[in-house]
């Protein structure tokens, strides 16, 4: 796979899960002889929701909830065939969303 680059974007709600998954990907890619850039931490997205606690009156009584989406970026600059094969067989955690693009 000459002149190829694999860009892997990871998203998760739990930062420990995403850090563990990035460590597995980087270790697998380096073990197979590929050059790795990253993991690059991308900005965390905060989604905040405000909900009225009372079903009828008391507008001042509210609860706030938030969801944090953590993101990481990994570039594999010079992947070998062994790298692609090892990454295909890699089993990551269930709470991590993986997007792979070739460039």
Protein backbone atom coordinates (compact mmCIF):
# COMPACT_ATOMS: atom_id res chain seq x y z
CA UNK A 1 0.00 0.00 0.00
CA UNK A 2 2.35 2.71 -1.19
CA UNK A 3 1.41 6.40 -0.85
CA UNK A 4 -1.62 5.59 1.28
CA UNK A 5 -2.71 7.11 4.56
CA UNK A 6 -5.28 5.71 6.92
CA UNK A 7 -7.09 8.26 9.09
CA UNK A 8 -8.98 6.83 12.06
CA UNK A 9 -11.45 9.00 14.03
CA UNK A 10 -12.71 7.67 17.33
CA UNK A 11 -15.69 8.97 19.32
CA UNK A 12 -16.87 7.88 22.76
CA UNK A 13 -18.70 9.17 25.80
CA UNK A 14 -16.15 7.66 28.22
CA UNK A 15 -12.61 9.08 27.99
CA UNK A 16 -11.03 5.98 29.57
CA UNK A 17 -12.59 3.76 26.90
CA UNK A 18 -11.38 5.94 24.04
CA UNK A 19 -7.84 6.18 25.48
CA UNK A 20 -7.70 2.40 25.83
CA UNK A 21 -8.88 1.91 22.23
CA UNK A 22 -6.37 4.42 20.84
CA UNK A 23 -3.56 2.69 22.74
CA UNK A 24 -4.59 -0.66 21.20
CA UNK A 25 -4.69 0.80 17.67
CA UNK A 26 -1.32 2.58 18.00
CA UNK A 27 0.35 -0.48 19.52
CA UNK A 28 -1.02 -2.75 16.76
CA UNK A 29 0.07 -0.38 13.99
CA UNK A 30 3.59 0.09 15.40
CA UNK A 31 3.99 -3.66 15.93
CA UNK A 32 3.30 -4.30 12.23
CA UNK A 33 5.85 -1.72 11.08
CA UNK A 34 3.68 1.28 10.21
CA UNK A 35 4.45 4.91 11.01
CA UNK A 36 1.82 6.43 13.31
CA UNK A 37 0.94 10.06 14.01
CA UNK A 38 -1.19 10.60 17.05
CA UNK A 39 -3.38 10.05 18.92
CA UNK A 40 -4.41 13.69 18.52
CA UNK A 41 -7.09 14.77 21.01
CA UNK A 42 -9.84 16.75 19.28
CA UNK A 43 -12.12 19.16 21.18
CA UNK A 44 -14.67 17.55 23.46
CA UNK A 45 -18.28 18.32 22.57
CA UNK A 46 -20.56 19.26 25.46
CA UNK A 47 -24.32 18.89 25.02
CA UNK A 48 -26.29 20.36 27.92
CA UNK A 49 -29.99 19.75 28.54
CA UNK A 50 -32.09 21.69 31.05
CA UNK A 51 -35.26 20.00 32.27
CA UNK A 52 -38.02 21.29 34.53
CA UNK A 53 -38.21 19.11 37.64
CA UNK A 54 -41.80 19.96 38.47
CA UNK A 55 -44.54 18.74 36.13
CA UNK A 56 -46.80 21.73 36.79
CA UNK A 57 -45.45 24.92 38.43
CA UNK A 58 -42.10 26.00 39.96
CA UNK A 59 -40.27 27.16 36.87
CA UNK A 60 -37.20 27.94 39.02
CA UNK A 61 -36.67 24.26 39.88
CA UNK A 62 -34.63 22.74 37.07
CA UNK A 63 -32.14 19.93 36.53
CA UNK A 64 -29.25 20.10 34.10
CA UNK A 65 -27.71 17.11 32.33
CA UNK A 66 -24.80 16.95 29.94
CA UNK A 67 -23.28 14.49 27.50
CA UNK A 68 -19.58 14.78 26.72
CA UNK A 69 -18.37 13.36 23.41
CA UNK A 70 -14.62 12.75 23.42
CA UNK A 71 -12.82 12.49 20.06
CA UNK A 72 -9.38 11.28 18.97
CA UNK A 73 -7.61 11.25 15.61
CA UNK A 74 -4.95 8.76 14.53
CA UNK A 75 -3.05 8.93 11.23
CA UNK A 76 -1.24 5.84 9.97
CA UNK A 77 1.13 7.30 7.41
CA UNK A 78 2.79 4.28 5.84
CA UNK A 79 0.55 1.26 6.38
CA UNK A 80 1.70 -2.17 5.29
CA UNK A 81 -0.54 -5.05 4.29
CA UNK A 82 0.10 -6.61 7.71
CA UNK A 83 -1.07 -3.37 9.34
CA UNK A 84 -4.39 -3.35 7.50
CA UNK A 85 -4.94 -7.04 8.24
CA UNK A 86 -4.15 -6.59 11.95
CA UNK A 87 -6.43 -3.54 12.22
CA UNK A 88 -9.29 -5.43 10.57
CA UNK A 89 -8.97 -8.20 13.18
CA UNK A 90 -8.73 -5.76 16.10
CA UNK A 91 -11.66 -5.98 18.52
CA UNK A 92 -12.37 -2.62 20.19
CA UNK A 93 -14.71 -1.73 23.04
CA UNK A 94 -18.44 -1.51 22.35
CA UNK A 95 -18.81 2.13 23.37
CA UNK A 96 -16.33 3.48 20.80
CA UNK A 97 -17.44 4.71 17.37
CA UNK A 98 -14.75 4.21 14.70
CA UNK A 99 -14.60 6.01 11.35
CA UNK A 100 -11.85 5.02 8.91
CA UNK A 101 -10.93 6.92 5.76
CA UNK A 102 -8.22 6.29 3.20
CA UNK A 103 -6.37 9.19 1.71
